[in-house]
PDB file of N, CA and C in Angstrom:
ATOM      1  N   MET A   1      21.327 -22.227 -13.723  1.00  0.00           N
ATOM      2  CA  MET A   1      20.750 -22.884 -14.868  1.00  0.00           C
ATOM      3  C   MET A   1      20.655 -24.375 -14.560  1.00  0.00           C
ATOM      4  N   THR A   2      19.574 -24.979 -14.977  1.00  0.00           N
ATOM      5  CA  THR A   2      19.363 -26.405 -14.793  1.00  0.00           C
ATOM      6  C   THR A   2      19.958 -27.154 -15.976  1.00  0.00           C
ATOM      7  N   VAL A   3      20.809 -28.133 -15.695  1.00  0.00           N
ATOM      8  CA  VAL A   3      21.404 -28.948 -16.753  1.00  0.00           C
ATOM      9  C   VAL A   3      20.279 -29.643 -17.513  1.00  0.00           C
ATOM     10  N   GLY A   4      20.296 -29.549 -18.818  1.00  0.00           N
ATOM     11  CA  GLY A   4      19.261 -30.152 -19.650  1.00  0.00           C
ATOM     12  C   GLY A   4      18.071 -29.241 -19.890  1.00  0.00           C
ATOM     13  N   ASP A   5      17.980 -28.151 -19.140  1.00  0.00           N
ATOM     14  CA  ASP A   5      16.880 -27.194 -19.317  1.00  0.00           C
ATOM     15  C   ASP A   5      17.418 -25.775 -19.117  1.00  0.00           C
ATOM     16  N   PRO A   6      18.179 -25.265 -20.070  1.00  0.00           N
ATOM     17  CA  PRO A   6      18.803 -23.950 -19.894  1.00  0.00           C
ATOM     18  C   PRO A   6      17.804 -22.803 -19.775  1.00  0.00           C
ATOM     19  N   ASP A   7      16.565 -23.010 -20.202  1.00  0.00           N
ATOM     20  CA  ASP A   7      15.565 -21.947 -20.095  1.00  0.00           C
ATOM     21  C   ASP A   7      14.860 -21.936 -18.740  1.00  0.00           C
ATOM     22  N   ASP A   8      15.169 -22.884 -17.881  1.00  0.00           N
ATOM     23  CA  ASP A   8      14.522 -22.992 -16.582  1.00  0.00           C
ATOM     24  C   ASP A   8      14.650 -21.711 -15.762  1.00  0.00           C
ATOM     25  N   THR A   9      15.781 -21.045 -15.839  1.00  0.00           N
ATOM     26  CA  THR A   9      16.006 -19.838 -15.049  1.00  0.00           C
ATOM     27  C   THR A   9      16.006 -18.571 -15.900  1.00  0.00           C
ATOM     28  N   LEU A  10      15.589 -18.683 -17.167  1.00  0.00           N
ATOM     29  CA  LEU A  10      15.573 -17.521 -18.055  1.00  0.00           C
ATOM     30  C   LEU A  10      14.590 -16.476 -17.543  1.00  0.00           C
ATOM     31  N   GLN A  11      15.088 -15.271 -17.311  1.00  0.00           N
ATOM     32  CA  GLN A  11      14.233 -14.200 -16.829  1.00  0.00           C
ATOM     33  C   GLN A  11      14.139 -13.040 -17.807  1.00  0.00           C
ATOM     34  N   TYR A  12      15.154 -12.840 -18.640  1.00  0.00           N
ATOM     35  CA  TYR A  12      15.143 -11.719 -19.576  1.00  0.00           C
ATOM     36  C   TYR A  12      15.762 -12.101 -20.908  1.00  0.00           C
ATOM     37  N   GLN A  13      15.244 -11.491 -21.953  1.00  0.00           N
ATOM     38  CA  GLN A  13      15.913 -11.442 -23.244  1.00  0.00           C
ATOM     39  C   GLN A  13      15.790  -9.995 -23.695  1.00  0.00           C
ATOM     40  N   TRP A  14      16.780  -9.508 -24.416  1.00  0.00           N
ATOM     41  CA  TRP A  14      16.693  -8.147 -24.904  1.00  0.00           C
ATOM     42  C   TRP A  14      17.330  -8.022 -26.259  1.00  0.00           C
ATOM     43  N   CYS A  15      16.947  -6.972 -26.938  1.00  0.00           N
ATOM     44  CA  CYS A  15      17.448  -6.695 -28.278  1.00  0.00           C
ATOM     45  C   CYS A  15      17.623  -5.181 -28.394  1.00  0.00           C
ATOM     46  N   ILE A  16      18.723  -4.777 -28.996  1.00  0.00           N
ATOM     47  CA  ILE A  16      18.956  -3.360 -29.270  1.00  0.00           C
ATOM     48  C   ILE A  16      19.100  -3.183 -30.766  1.00  0.00           C
ATOM     49  N   GLU A  17      18.260  -2.323 -31.300  1.00  0.00           N
ATOM     50  CA  GLU A  17      18.335  -1.899 -32.703  1.00  0.00           C
ATOM     51  C   GLU A  17      18.246  -0.379 -32.634  1.00  0.00           C
ATOM     52  N   TRP A  18      19.399   0.253 -32.692  1.00  0.00           N
ATOM     53  CA  TRP A  18      19.481   1.686 -32.408  1.00  0.00           C
ATOM     54  C   TRP A  18      18.401   2.484 -33.109  1.00  0.00           C
ATOM     55  N   PRO A  19      17.702   3.309 -32.379  1.00  0.00           N
ATOM     56  CA  PRO A  19      17.878   3.715 -30.984  1.00  0.00           C
ATOM     57  C   PRO A  19      17.023   2.910 -30.008  1.00  0.00           C
ATOM     58  N   TRP A  20      16.416   1.825 -30.466  1.00  0.00           N
ATOM     59  CA  TRP A  20      15.447   1.085 -29.654  1.00  0.00           C
ATOM     60  C   TRP A  20      16.095  -0.037 -28.858  1.00  0.00           C
ATOM     61  N   LYS A  21      15.582  -0.224 -27.640  1.00  0.00           N
ATOM     62  CA  LYS A  21      15.972  -1.361 -26.798  1.00  0.00           C
ATOM     63  C   LYS A  21      14.700  -1.993 -26.263  1.00  0.00           C
ATOM     64  N   LEU A  22      14.523  -3.281 -26.535  1.00  0.00           N
ATOM     65  CA  LEU A  22      13.383  -4.037 -26.036  1.00  0.00           C
ATOM     66  C   LEU A  22      13.882  -5.045 -25.006  1.00  0.00           C
ATOM     67  N   ILE A  23      13.205  -5.094 -23.861  1.00  0.00           N
ATOM     68  CA  ILE A  23      13.484  -6.090 -22.826  1.00  0.00           C
ATOM     69  C   ILE A  23      12.218  -6.913 -22.649  1.00  0.00           C
ATOM     70  N   VAL A  24      12.357  -8.235 -22.778  1.00  0.00           N
ATOM     71  CA  VAL A  24      11.232  -9.160 -22.636  1.00  0.00           C
ATOM     72  C   VAL A  24      11.441  -9.954 -21.349  1.00  0.00           C
ATOM     73  N   ARG A  25      10.436  -9.978 -20.518  1.00  0.00           N
ATOM     74  CA  ARG A  25      10.486 -10.685 -19.235  1.00  0.00           C
ATOM     75  C   ARG A  25       9.977 -12.102 -19.407  1.00  0.00           C
ATOM     76  N   HIS A  26      10.660 -13.072 -18.803  1.00  0.00           N
ATOM     77  CA  HIS A  26      10.232 -14.467 -18.797  1.00  0.00           C
ATOM     78  C   HIS A  26      10.037 -14.920 -17.355  1.00  0.00           C
ATOM     79  N   ASP A  27       9.356 -16.037 -17.175  1.00  0.00           N
ATOM     80  CA  ASP A  27       9.025 -16.527 -15.835  1.00  0.00           C
ATOM     81  C   ASP A  27       9.956 -17.627 -15.363  1.00  0.00           C
ATOM     82  N   GLY A  28      11.220 -17.531 -15.693  1.00  0.00           N
ATOM     83  CA  GLY A  28      12.175 -18.533 -15.234  1.00  0.00           C
ATOM     84  C   GLY A  28      12.309 -18.527 -13.725  1.00  0.00           C
ATOM     85  N   THR A  29      12.761 -19.624 -13.187  1.00  0.00           N
ATOM     86  CA  THR A  29      12.962 -19.745 -11.751  1.00  0.00           C
ATOM     87  C   THR A  29      13.958 -18.702 -11.280  1.00  0.00           C
ATOM     88  N   ASP A  30      13.575 -17.951 -10.273  1.00  0.00           N
ATOM     89  CA  ASP A  30      14.434 -16.909  -9.721  1.00  0.00           C
ATOM     90  C   ASP A  30      15.234 -17.503  -8.569  1.00  0.00           C
ATOM     91  N   THR A  31      16.478 -17.831  -8.825  1.00  0.00           N
ATOM     92  CA  THR A  31      17.327 -18.421  -7.790  1.00  0.00           C
ATOM     93  C   THR A  31      17.991 -17.363  -6.919  1.00  0.00           C
ATOM     94  N   THR A  32      17.805 -16.082  -7.246  1.00  0.00           N
ATOM     95  CA  THR A  32      18.466 -14.989  -6.523  1.00  0.00           C
ATOM     96  C   THR A  32      17.515 -14.176  -5.656  1.00  0.00           C
ATOM     97  N   GLN A  33      16.211 -14.418  -5.736  1.00  0.00           N
ATOM     98  CA  GLN A  33      15.189 -13.635  -5.045  1.00  0.00           C
ATOM     99  C   GLN A  33      15.143 -12.195  -5.540  1.00  0.00           C
ATOM    100  N   TYR A  34      15.621 -11.974  -6.756  1.00  0.00           N
ATOM    101  CA  TYR A  34      15.667 -10.648  -7.366  1.00  0.00           C
ATOM    102  C   TYR A  34      14.272 -10.051  -7.522  1.00  0.00           C
ATOM    103  N   ARG A  35      13.302 -10.869  -7.845  1.00  0.00           N
ATOM    104  CA  ARG A  35      11.931 -10.386  -8.070  1.00  0.00           C
ATOM    105  C   ARG A  35      11.321  -9.744  -6.825  1.00  0.00           C
ATOM    106  N   ARG A  36      11.656 -10.241  -5.667  1.00  0.00           N
ATOM    107  CA  ARG A  36      11.089  -9.677  -4.445  1.00  0.00           C
ATOM    108  C   ARG A  36      11.597  -8.261  -4.195  1.00  0.00           C
ATOM    109  N   VAL A  37      12.728  -7.904  -4.767  1.00  0.00           N
ATOM    110  CA  VAL A  37      13.351  -6.606  -4.513  1.00  0.00           C
ATOM    111  C   VAL A  37      12.862  -5.534  -5.474  1.00  0.00           C
ATOM    112  N   HIS A  38      12.487  -5.902  -6.694  1.00  0.00           N
ATOM    113  CA  HIS A  38      12.173  -4.927  -7.735  1.00  0.00           C
ATOM    114  C   HIS A  38      10.727  -5.039  -8.223  1.00  0.00           C
ATOM    115  N   ASP A  39       9.908  -4.020  -7.923  1.00  0.00           N
ATOM    116  CA  ASP A  39       8.523  -4.016  -8.381  1.00  0.00           C
ATOM    117  C   ASP A  39       8.426  -3.969  -9.897  1.00  0.00           C
ATOM    118  N   TRP A  40       9.297  -3.216 -10.562  1.00  0.00           N
ATOM    119  CA  TRP A  40       9.241  -3.080 -12.017  1.00  0.00           C
ATOM    120  C   TRP A  40       9.538  -4.402 -12.716  1.00  0.00           C
ATOM    121  N   ASP A  41      10.049  -5.348 -12.012  1.00  0.00           N
ATOM    122  CA  ASP A  41      10.428  -6.631 -12.579  1.00  0.00           C
ATOM    123  C   ASP A  41       9.232  -7.428 -13.086  1.00  0.00           C
ATOM    124  N   ARG A  42       8.028  -7.030 -12.756  1.00  0.00           N
ATOM    125  CA  ARG A  42       6.834  -7.750 -13.191  1.00  0.00           C
ATOM    126  C   ARG A  42       6.351  -7.306 -14.568  1.00  0.00           C
ATOM    127  N   VAL A  43       6.934  -6.284 -15.122  1.00  0.00           N
ATOM    128  CA  VAL A  43       6.523  -5.756 -16.430  1.00  0.00           C
ATOM    129  C   VAL A  43       6.990  -6.723 -17.526  1.00  0.00           C
ATOM    130  N   PRO A  44       6.072  -7.247 -18.366  1.00  0.00           N
ATOM    131  CA  PRO A  44       6.466  -8.257 -19.352  1.00  0.00           C
ATOM    132  C   PRO A  44       7.285  -7.714 -20.515  1.00  0.00           C
ATOM    133  N   LEU A  45       7.050  -6.462 -20.900  1.00  0.00           N
ATOM    134  CA  LEU A  45       7.773  -5.864 -22.025  1.00  0.00           C
ATOM    135  C   LEU A  45       8.159  -4.436 -21.679  1.00  0.00           C
ATOM    136  N   ARG A  46       9.377  -4.082 -22.033  1.00  0.00           N
ATOM    137  CA  ARG A  46       9.804  -2.694 -21.868  1.00  0.00           C
ATOM    138  C   ARG A  46      10.520  -2.278 -23.144  1.00  0.00           C
ATOM    139  N   LEU A  47      10.124  -1.139 -23.693  1.00  0.00           N
ATOM    140  CA  LEU A  47      10.744  -0.599 -24.894  1.00  0.00           C
ATOM    141  C   LEU A  47      11.216   0.810 -24.583  1.00  0.00           C
ATOM    142  N   TYR A  48      12.475   1.076 -24.905  1.00  0.00           N
ATOM    143  CA  TYR A  48      13.051   2.401 -24.653  1.00  0.00           C
ATOM    144  C   TYR A  48      13.675   2.946 -25.923  1.00  0.00           C
ATOM    145  N   ASN A  49      13.598   4.264 -26.078  1.00  0.00           N
ATOM    146  CA  ASN A  49      14.331   4.965 -27.119  1.00  0.00           C
ATOM    147  C   ASN A  49      15.587   5.491 -26.443  1.00  0.00           C
ATOM    148  N   LEU A  50      16.700   4.822 -26.673  1.00  0.00           N
ATOM    149  CA  LEU A  50      17.937   5.157 -25.975  1.00  0.00           C
ATOM    150  C   LEU A  50      18.490   6.516 -26.346  1.00  0.00           C
ATOM    151  N   ALA A  51      18.199   6.996 -27.548  1.00  0.00           N
ATOM    152  CA  ALA A  51      18.675   8.320 -27.952  1.00  0.00           C
ATOM    153  C   ALA A  51      17.969   9.407 -27.143  1.00  0.00           C
ATOM    154  N   ASP A  52      16.670   9.246 -26.923  1.00  0.00           N
ATOM    155  CA  ASP A  52      15.891  10.237 -26.183  1.00  0.00           C
ATOM    156  C   ASP A  52      15.867   9.988 -24.682  1.00  0.00           C
ATOM    157  N   ASP A  53      16.083   8.752 -24.279  1.00  0.00           N
ATOM    158  CA  ASP A  53      15.929   8.340 -22.883  1.00  0.00           C
ATOM    159  C   ASP A  53      17.050   7.365 -22.500  1.00  0.00           C
ATOM    160  N   PRO A  54      18.291   7.840 -22.403  1.00  0.00           N
ATOM    161  CA  PRO A  54      19.412   6.933 -22.152  1.00  0.00           C
ATOM    162  C   PRO A  54      19.374   6.243 -20.788  1.00  0.00           C
ATOM    163  N   HIS A  55      18.562   6.751 -19.862  1.00  0.00           N
ATOM    164  CA  HIS A  55      18.467   6.141 -18.539  1.00  0.00           C
ATOM    165  C   HIS A  55      17.264   5.202 -18.412  1.00  0.00           C
ATOM    166  N   GLU A  56      16.595   4.953 -19.545  1.00  0.00           N
ATOM    167  CA  GLU A  56      15.493   3.994 -19.621  1.00  0.00           C
ATOM    168  C   GLU A  56      14.406   4.283 -18.581  1.00  0.00           C
ATOM    169  N   GLY A  57      13.888   5.499 -18.626  1.00  0.00           N
ATOM    170  CA  GLY A  57      12.879   5.896 -17.664  1.00  0.00           C
ATOM    171  C   GLY A  57      11.449   5.807 -18.168  1.00  0.00           C
ATOM    172  N   LYS A  58      11.241   5.845 -19.491  1.00  0.00           N
ATOM    173  CA  LYS A  58       9.877   5.838 -20.033  1.00  0.00           C
ATOM    174  C   LYS A  58       9.683   4.628 -20.930  1.00  0.00           C
ATOM    175  N   ASN A  59       8.821   3.729 -20.504  1.00  0.00           N
ATOM    176  CA  ASN A  59       8.515   2.521 -21.259  1.00  0.00           C
ATOM    177  C   ASN A  59       7.552   2.888 -22.393  1.00  0.00           C
ATOM    178  N   LEU A  60       7.974   2.664 -23.630  1.00  0.00           N
ATOM    179  CA  LEU A  60       7.183   3.019 -24.803  1.00  0.00           C
ATOM    180  C   LEU A  60       6.516   1.817 -25.468  1.00  0.00           C
ATOM    181  N   ALA A  61       6.493   0.672 -24.807  1.00  0.00           N
ATOM    182  CA  ALA A  61       5.981  -0.571 -25.418  1.00  0.00           C
ATOM    183  C   ALA A  61       4.544  -0.431 -25.907  1.00  0.00           C
ATOM    184  N   GLU A  62       3.687   0.190 -25.134  1.00  0.00           N
ATOM    185  CA  GLU A  62       2.283   0.313 -25.552  1.00  0.00           C
ATOM    186  C   GLU A  62       2.115   1.330 -26.678  1.00  0.00           C
ATOM    187  N   GLU A  63       2.979   2.319 -26.723  1.00  0.00           N
ATOM    188  CA  GLU A  63       2.880   3.365 -27.748  1.00  0.00           C
ATOM    189  C   GLU A  63       3.459   2.944 -29.096  1.00  0.00           C
ATOM    190  N   ARG A  64       4.353   1.973 -29.097  1.00  0.00           N
ATOM    191  CA  ARG A  64       5.038   1.572 -30.331  1.00  0.00           C
ATOM    192  C   ARG A  64       4.974   0.061 -30.552  1.00  0.00           C
ATOM    193  N   PRO A  65       3.773  -0.511 -30.704  1.00  0.00           N
ATOM    194  CA  PRO A  65       3.645  -1.969 -30.848  1.00  0.00           C
ATOM    195  C   PRO A  65       4.341  -2.524 -32.089  1.00  0.00           C
ATOM    196  N   GLU A  66       4.471  -1.722 -33.143  1.00  0.00           N
ATOM    197  CA  GLU A  66       5.142  -2.199 -34.352  1.00  0.00           C
ATOM    198  C   GLU A  66       6.633  -2.440 -34.099  1.00  0.00           C
ATOM    199  N   ILE A  67       7.247  -1.619 -33.275  1.00  0.00           N
ATOM    200  CA  ILE A  67       8.667  -1.801 -32.949  1.00  0.00           C
ATOM    201  C   ILE A  67       8.823  -2.990 -32.012  1.00  0.00           C
ATOM    202  N   VAL A  68       7.922  -3.118 -31.047  1.00  0.00           N
ATOM    203  CA  VAL A  68       7.941  -4.279 -30.158  1.00  0.00           C
ATOM    204  C   VAL A  68       7.844  -5.564 -30.974  1.00  0.00           C
ATOM    205  N   ALA A  69       6.929  -5.628 -31.926  1.00  0.00           N
ATOM    206  CA  ALA A  69       6.755  -6.835 -32.744  1.00  0.00           C
ATOM    207  C   ALA A  69       8.020  -7.149 -33.539  1.00  0.00           C
ATOM    208  N   ARG A  70       8.605  -6.140 -34.144  1.00  0.00           N
ATOM    209  CA  ARG A  70       9.809  -6.358 -34.946  1.00  0.00           C
ATOM    210  C   ARG A  70      10.977  -6.862 -34.085  1.00  0.00           C
ATOM    211  N   LEU A  71      11.170  -6.259 -32.924  1.00  0.00           N
ATOM    212  CA  LEU A  71      12.274  -6.678 -32.066  1.00  0.00           C
ATOM    213  C   LEU A  71      12.008  -8.030 -31.409  1.00  0.00           C
ATOM    214  N   ARG A  72      10.753  -8.337 -31.130  1.00  0.00           N
ATOM    215  CA  ARG A  72      10.422  -9.673 -30.607  1.00  0.00           C
ATOM    216  C   ARG A  72      10.732 -10.745 -31.650  1.00  0.00           C
ATOM    217  N   GLU A  73      10.470 -10.448 -32.910  1.00  0.00           N
ATOM    218  CA  GLU A  73      10.816 -11.393 -33.981  1.00  0.00           C
ATOM    219  C   GLU A  73      12.325 -11.595 -34.041  1.00  0.00           C
ATOM    220  N   ALA A  74      13.082 -10.537 -33.864  1.00  0.00           N
ATOM    221  CA  ALA A  74      14.551 -10.658 -33.870  1.00  0.00           C
ATOM    222  C   ALA A  74      15.025 -11.522 -32.709  1.00  0.00           C
ATOM    223  N   ILE A  75      14.431 -11.346 -31.548  1.00  0.00           N
ATOM    224  CA  ILE A  75      14.790 -12.169 -30.387  1.00  0.00           C
ATOM    225  C   ILE A  75      14.427 -13.631 -30.651  1.00  0.00           C
ATOM    226  N   ALA A  76      13.230 -13.882 -31.162  1.00  0.00           N
ATOM    227  CA  ALA A  76      12.779 -15.252 -31.441  1.00  0.00           C
ATOM    228  C   ALA A  76      13.659 -15.942 -32.477  1.00  0.00           C
ATOM    229  N   ALA A  77      14.152 -15.173 -33.449  1.00  0.00           N
ATOM    230  CA  ALA A  77      15.046 -15.748 -34.456  1.00  0.00           C
ATOM    231  C   ALA A  77      16.364 -16.185 -33.837  1.00  0.00           C
ATOM    232  N   TRP A  78      16.753 -15.524 -32.775  1.00  0.00           N
ATOM    233  CA  TRP A  78      18.003 -15.853 -32.081  1.00  0.00           C
ATOM    234  C   TRP A  78      17.790 -17.015 -31.118  1.00  0.00           C
ATOM    235  N   HIS A  79      16.725 -16.929 -30.278  1.00  0.00           N
ATOM    236  CA  HIS A  79      16.458 -17.991 -29.313  1.00  0.00           C
ATOM    237  C   HIS A  79      15.020 -17.898 -28.840  1.00  0.00           C
ATOM    238  N   SER A  80      14.264 -18.964 -29.030  1.00  0.00           N
ATOM    239  CA  SER A  80      12.897 -19.041 -28.519  1.00  0.00           C
ATOM    240  C   SER A  80      12.894 -20.022 -27.361  1.00  0.00           C
ATOM    241  N   PRO A  81      12.611 -19.535 -26.154  1.00  0.00           N
ATOM    242  CA  PRO A  81      12.609 -20.449 -25.003  1.00  0.00           C
ATOM    243  C   PRO A  81      11.490 -21.468 -25.117  1.00  0.00           C
ATOM    244  N   ALA A  82      11.726 -22.633 -24.559  1.00  0.00           N
ATOM    245  CA  ALA A  82      10.757 -23.721 -24.609  1.00  0.00           C
ATOM    246  C   ALA A  82       9.536 -23.431 -23.748  1.00  0.00           C
ATOM    247  N   LYS A  83       9.689 -22.562 -22.764  1.00  0.00           N
ATOM    248  CA  LYS A  83       8.575 -22.267 -21.832  1.00  0.00           C
ATOM    249  C   LYS A  83       7.822 -21.052 -22.278  1.00  0.00           C
TER     250      LYS A  83
END
């Protein structure tokens, strides 16, 4: 993390509202080279139904935009990155 700019290295935010889990991808500086290792890391939004899919294998973000919107609002209420 960069002193004075804590969002500089922000790469993920997530919210769980049972049974839903939303993961939001950000473009923070990758100091670990993690992005080069994981192709799925380029996906901007991932939504999972943890009750039906506990191993997070099927991304439902496009199928359930209303849940994505609600959970994104919850994340933004907690912390909205400057970038």
